[in-house]
Amino acid sequence: MKKFKKIAKWVVLAIIAVIIVAVIGFKIYTQGYYKADMETITAIETRLEASVNSYSDENGTVFLPETSVPKAVIVFYPGGKVEYKAYSGLMYEIASRGYICILPRMPENLAFLRINAVEKITAKYTADVDSVKNLDWYIAGHSLGGVAASLYLEDKIDEYAGIILCASYPNADFSDKDIRLLSIYGENDGVIKADAYENSKAHWPKDSEEYIIAGGIHSYFGCYGIQSGDGTPEISNTEQIAETADMIATWIDD
């Protein structure tokens, strides 16, 4: 019996040690994230400050068009290991075209850790949410954020009109669903897995559209520099963001 207790004790200690190492390893992994390029974001914000207002709390930021009646609501999930603020430039551009944008803050900069992140924001502002319930809602995301968004949409299919994927693809089957899908990626993207992207098309709904940004790259949907392994851009960061916003606006308005 004493021998058994001794073995059990060492097994428990070994399990605890493995858990501690895993937690430490995860924290080290998540600390190496891409930080927002605030210089570029501030330039976009300054240019559009007359047409867009933004409001932030601990759960994220909401961007509101000020010079037009909102046409739709877009929830945008940031890419993996990218600071959520890095997508503020894109949100300002989209909001300036007449769309309410909700940009959730993700724990450890990983959307997979909170795929229902939008609910953290909307739960605190029920009156504001109710005032735009009559609008079409779209969920969107960049890279791994788009994958997480697709998983969230899978359980909320009746609440959204469609999904917008920036350098991403769905990890859920929407082939028989009555929703819309827009896929946008850069011509010189060096990060997205081409085979996985092409294979995902079997799960796209019938109402799907693909748009390729000439000279664009994976990283330029946000403002955080160029991530490891990406291609060489032939357009500027702000040009890609503006073109993305134009395409999203055109697609929703169709």
Protein backbone atom coordinates (compact mmCIF):
# COMPACT_ATOMS: atom_id res chain seq x y z
CA MET A 1 0.00 0.00 0.00
CA LYS A 2 2.84 2.40 0.88
CA LYS A 3 4.51 1.63 -2.43
CA PHE A 4 1.26 2.36 -4.30
CA LYS A 5 0.81 5.69 -2.48
CA LYS A 6 4.38 6.64 -3.31
CA ILE A 7 3.86 5.87 -7.00
CA ALA A 8 0.55 7.77 -7.02
CA LYS A 9 2.25 10.76 -5.43
CA TRP A 10 4.94 10.85 -8.11
CA VAL A 11 2.32 10.48 -10.86
CA VAL A 12 0.38 13.45 -9.49
CA LEU A 13 3.55 15.51 -9.19
CA ALA A 14 4.49 14.61 -12.77
CA ILE A 15 1.07 15.69 -14.06
CA ILE A 16 1.31 18.97 -12.17
CA ALA A 17 4.77 19.56 -13.60
CA VAL A 18 3.53 18.93 -17.16
CA ILE A 19 0.66 21.36 -16.64
CA ILE A 20 2.98 24.04 -15.27
CA VAL A 21 5.38 23.63 -18.19
CA ALA A 22 2.47 23.79 -20.66
CA VAL A 23 1.11 26.98 -19.07
CA ILE A 24 4.52 28.63 -19.06
CA GLY A 25 5.10 27.56 -22.67
CA PHE A 26 1.73 28.95 -23.73
CA LYS A 27 2.42 32.29 -22.02
CA ILE A 28 5.80 32.52 -23.74
CA TYR A 29 4.14 31.70 -27.08
CA THR A 30 1.43 34.35 -26.73
CA GLN A 31 3.87 37.07 -25.64
CA GLY A 32 5.39 37.10 -29.12
CA TYR A 33 2.50 38.91 -30.77
CA TYR A 34 2.40 41.60 -33.45
CA LYS A 35 1.76 45.06 -32.03
CA ALA A 36 -0.39 47.69 -33.71
CA ASP A 37 1.36 50.26 -35.90
CA MET A 38 -0.19 53.29 -34.19
CA GLU A 39 1.47 55.78 -36.54
CA THR A 40 -0.38 54.37 -39.55
CA ILE A 41 -3.62 53.95 -37.60
CA THR A 42 -3.49 57.51 -36.26
CA ALA A 43 -3.02 58.87 -39.79
CA ILE A 44 -6.16 57.02 -40.94
CA GLU A 45 -8.10 58.10 -37.85
CA THR A 46 -7.12 61.74 -38.34
CA ARG A 47 -8.20 61.68 -41.97
CA LEU A 48 -11.57 60.15 -41.11
CA GLU A 49 -12.27 61.74 -37.72
CA ALA A 50 -15.08 63.89 -39.12
CA SER A 51 -17.01 60.88 -40.39
CA VAL A 52 -16.35 58.19 -37.76
CA ASN A 53 -16.55 58.07 -33.98
CA SER A 54 -15.11 55.22 -31.93
CA TYR A 55 -15.83 54.06 -28.39
CA SER A 56 -13.74 51.58 -26.40
CA ASP A 57 -13.98 49.59 -23.20
CA GLU A 58 -12.11 46.59 -21.82
CA ASN A 59 -13.85 44.26 -24.29
CA GLY A 60 -13.08 46.06 -27.53
CA THR A 61 -13.99 49.03 -29.73
CA VAL A 62 -17.09 50.09 -31.67
CA PHE A 63 -16.79 52.35 -34.73
CA LEU A 64 -19.83 54.39 -35.72
CA PRO A 65 -20.45 56.26 -38.99
CA GLU A 66 -21.36 59.87 -38.22
CA THR A 67 -22.23 61.30 -41.62
CA SER A 68 -24.65 58.65 -42.88
CA VAL A 69 -27.37 56.32 -41.66
CA PRO A 70 -25.81 52.92 -40.82
CA LYS A 71 -26.36 50.33 -43.53
CA ALA A 72 -25.28 47.18 -41.66
CA VAL A 73 -23.25 45.92 -38.69
CA ILE A 74 -19.90 44.15 -39.13
CA VAL A 75 -18.24 42.18 -36.33
CA PHE A 76 -14.52 41.69 -37.03
CA TYR A 77 -12.35 39.05 -35.33
CA PRO A 78 -8.62 39.91 -35.32
CA GLY A 79 -5.95 37.54 -36.59
CA GLY A 80 -4.04 35.20 -34.30
CA LYS A 81 -1.25 36.76 -32.21
CA VAL A 82 -2.06 40.22 -33.55
CA GLU A 83 -3.05 43.08 -31.23
CA TYR A 84 -6.71 43.81 -31.90
CA LYS A 85 -6.03 47.55 -32.25
CA ALA A 86 -4.04 46.75 -35.40
CA TYR A 87 -7.37 46.46 -37.23
CA SER A 88 -8.62 49.90 -36.19
CA GLY A 89 -7.47 51.37 -39.51
CA LEU A 90 -9.62 48.94 -41.49
CA MET A 91 -12.55 49.53 -39.13
CA TYR A 92 -12.30 53.31 -39.61
CA GLU A 93 -12.30 52.86 -43.38
CA ILE A 94 -15.31 50.52 -43.34
CA ALA A 95 -17.23 52.70 -40.88
CA SER A 96 -16.61 55.78 -43.03
CA ARG A 97 -18.52 54.00 -45.79
CA GLY A 98 -21.62 53.69 -43.61
CA TYR A 99 -21.21 50.55 -41.49
CA ILE A 100 -21.13 50.01 -37.75
CA CYS A 101 -18.01 47.99 -36.92
CA ILE A 102 -17.43 45.99 -33.74
CA LEU A 103 -13.84 44.98 -33.01
CA PRO A 104 -13.58 42.62 -30.00
CA ARG A 105 -10.49 42.36 -27.85
CA MET A 106 -9.31 38.75 -27.61
CA PRO A 107 -7.63 37.10 -24.61
CA GLU A 108 -3.93 36.54 -25.32
CA ASN A 109 -4.64 37.95 -28.83
CA LEU A 110 -6.20 34.62 -29.87
CA ALA A 111 -9.78 34.58 -31.12
CA PHE A 112 -10.01 30.83 -30.50
CA LEU A 113 -9.95 31.52 -26.77
CA ARG A 114 -13.20 33.48 -27.00
CA ILE A 115 -15.13 32.76 -30.18
CA ASN A 116 -18.20 34.43 -28.64
CA ALA A 117 -16.22 37.63 -28.00
CA VAL A 118 -18.82 39.87 -29.65
CA GLU A 119 -21.28 38.93 -26.90
CA LYS A 120 -18.93 40.45 -24.32
CA ILE A 121 -19.47 43.81 -26.01
CA THR A 122 -23.14 43.62 -26.97
CA ALA A 123 -24.23 42.34 -23.55
CA LYS A 124 -23.29 45.68 -21.98
CA TYR A 125 -25.15 47.81 -24.50
CA THR A 126 -28.46 46.06 -25.03
CA ALA A 127 -30.38 49.25 -25.86
CA ASP A 128 -27.87 50.21 -28.56
CA VAL A 129 -27.92 46.67 -29.97
CA ASP A 130 -31.72 46.64 -30.07
CA SER A 131 -31.68 49.91 -32.02
CA VAL A 132 -29.80 48.23 -34.90
CA LYS A 133 -31.39 44.79 -34.77
CA ASN A 134 -33.25 45.65 -37.96
CA LEU A 135 -29.96 45.92 -39.87
CA ASP A 136 -28.15 42.99 -41.47
CA TRP A 137 -25.29 41.73 -39.30
CA TYR A 138 -22.12 40.23 -40.79
CA ILE A 139 -19.30 38.46 -39.01
CA ALA A 140 -15.79 38.82 -40.38
CA GLY A 141 -12.21 38.03 -39.54
CA HIS A 142 -8.62 38.01 -40.65
CA SER A 143 -6.56 34.81 -40.91
CA LEU A 144 -7.18 32.67 -37.78
CA GLY A 145 -9.72 35.24 -36.67
CA GLY A 146 -11.79 34.36 -39.72
CA VAL A 147 -11.60 30.67 -38.85
CA ALA A 148 -12.80 31.45 -35.32
CA ALA A 149 -15.57 33.65 -36.73
CA SER A 150 -16.78 30.78 -38.89
CA LEU A 151 -17.01 28.52 -35.84
CA TYR A 152 -19.04 31.15 -34.01
CA LEU A 153 -21.31 31.63 -37.03
CA GLU A 154 -21.99 27.90 -37.18
CA ASP A 155 -24.07 28.20 -33.98
CA LYS A 156 -25.52 31.64 -34.82
CA ILE A 157 -26.44 31.06 -38.44
CA ASP A 158 -29.87 32.68 -38.10
CA GLU A 159 -28.45 35.89 -36.63
CA TYR A 160 -26.07 36.85 -39.42
CA ALA A 161 -26.55 37.62 -43.09
CA GLY A 162 -23.09 36.42 -44.03
CA ILE A 163 -19.38 36.12 -43.36
CA ILE A 164 -16.43 38.15 -44.65
CA LEU A 165 -13.07 36.39 -44.70
CA CYS A 166 -9.81 38.32 -45.11
CA ALA A 167 -6.94 35.96 -45.99
CA SER A 168 -8.87 33.19 -44.29
CA TYR A 169 -11.26 30.31 -44.82
CA PRO A 170 -14.14 28.70 -42.90
CA ASN A 171 -13.69 25.77 -40.56
CA ALA A 172 -17.40 24.97 -40.75
CA ASP A 173 -19.63 23.69 -43.55
CA PHE A 174 -21.92 26.39 -44.95
CA SER A 175 -22.52 24.71 -48.31
CA ASP A 176 -26.23 24.20 -47.61
CA LYS A 177 -26.77 27.41 -45.61
CA ASP A 178 -28.70 30.45 -46.78
CA ILE A 179 -25.97 33.01 -46.10
CA ARG A 180 -23.49 35.05 -48.10
CA LEU A 181 -19.71 34.71 -48.12
CA LEU A 182 -17.05 37.14 -49.29
CA SER A 183 -13.43 36.00 -49.46
CA ILE A 184 -10.69 38.60 -49.94
CA TYR A 185 -6.97 37.89 -50.07
CA GLY A 186 -3.81 39.49 -51.37
CA GLU A 187 -2.17 38.32 -54.58
CA ASN A 188 1.23 38.06 -52.86
CA ASP A 189 0.03 36.42 -49.65
CA GLY A 190 2.83 34.24 -48.32
CA VAL A 191 1.11 33.02 -45.16
CA ILE A 192 -2.24 31.48 -46.06
CA LYS A 193 -2.18 27.74 -46.74
CA ALA A 194 -3.19 27.55 -50.40
CA ASP A 195 -4.32 23.90 -50.28
CA ALA A 196 -6.49 24.43 -47.21
CA TYR A 197 -7.97 27.55 -48.77
CA GLU A 198 -8.87 25.80 -52.02
CA ASN A 199 -10.28 22.78 -50.18
CA SER A 200 -12.47 25.07 -48.07
CA LYS A 201 -14.40 26.16 -51.14
CA ALA A 202 -16.38 22.92 -50.92
CA HIS A 203 -17.87 24.34 -47.71
CA TRP A 204 -18.72 27.77 -49.10
CA PRO A 205 -22.42 28.64 -49.50
CA LYS A 206 -23.84 29.06 -53.00
CA ASP A 207 -23.85 32.84 -52.63
CA SER A 208 -20.08 33.30 -52.41
CA GLU A 209 -17.69 35.75 -54.00
CA GLU A 210 -13.89 35.84 -54.16
CA TYR A 211 -11.82 38.99 -54.58
CA ILE A 212 -8.04 39.13 -55.02
CA ILE A 213 -6.18 42.34 -54.21
CA ALA A 214 -3.47 42.91 -56.82
CA GLY A 215 -0.09 43.25 -55.11
CA GLY A 216 -1.63 42.74 -51.68
CA ILE A 217 -0.25 40.57 -48.87
CA HIS A 218 -1.50 38.70 -45.83
CA SER A 219 -0.43 41.24 -43.22
CA TYR A 220 -1.88 44.39 -44.77
CA PHE A 221 -5.47 43.78 -43.69
CA GLY A 222 -4.24 45.14 -40.39
CA CYS A 223 -1.61 47.71 -39.43
CA TYR A 224 1.16 45.78 -37.69
CA GLY A 225 4.01 45.59 -40.16
CA ILE A 226 4.79 42.47 -42.19
CA GLN A 227 4.65 39.17 -40.38
CA SER A 228 7.16 36.38 -40.78
CA GLY A 229 6.83 34.40 -44.00
CA ASP A 230 4.61 36.88 -45.81
CA GLY A 231 5.14 37.95 -49.40
CA THR A 232 6.41 41.25 -50.78
CA PRO A 233 3.75 43.95 -51.11
CA GLU A 234 3.35 45.91 -54.32
CA ILE A 235 0.87 48.34 -52.78
CA SER A 236 0.95 50.25 -49.49
CA ASN A 237 -0.69 49.19 -46.25
CA THR A 238 -3.23 52.02 -46.45
CA GLU A 239 -4.02 51.25 -50.09
CA GLN A 240 -4.82 47.62 -49.29
CA ILE A 241 -7.00 48.63 -46.34
CA ALA A 242 -8.93 51.15 -48.46
CA GLU A 243 -9.42 48.64 -51.27
CA THR A 244 -10.65 46.04 -48.77
CA ALA A 245 -13.16 48.50 -47.33
CA ASP A 246 -14.37 49.40 -50.84
CA MET A 247 -14.87 45.75 -51.74
CA ILE A 248 -16.77 44.98 -48.52
CA ALA A 249 -19.03 48.01 -49.04
CA THR A 250 -19.71 47.09 -52.67
CA TRP A 251 -20.45 43.47 -51.78
CA ILE A 252 -22.87 44.29 -48.97
CA ASP A 253 -24.66 46.91 -51.08
CA ASP A 254 -25.23 44.49 -53.98
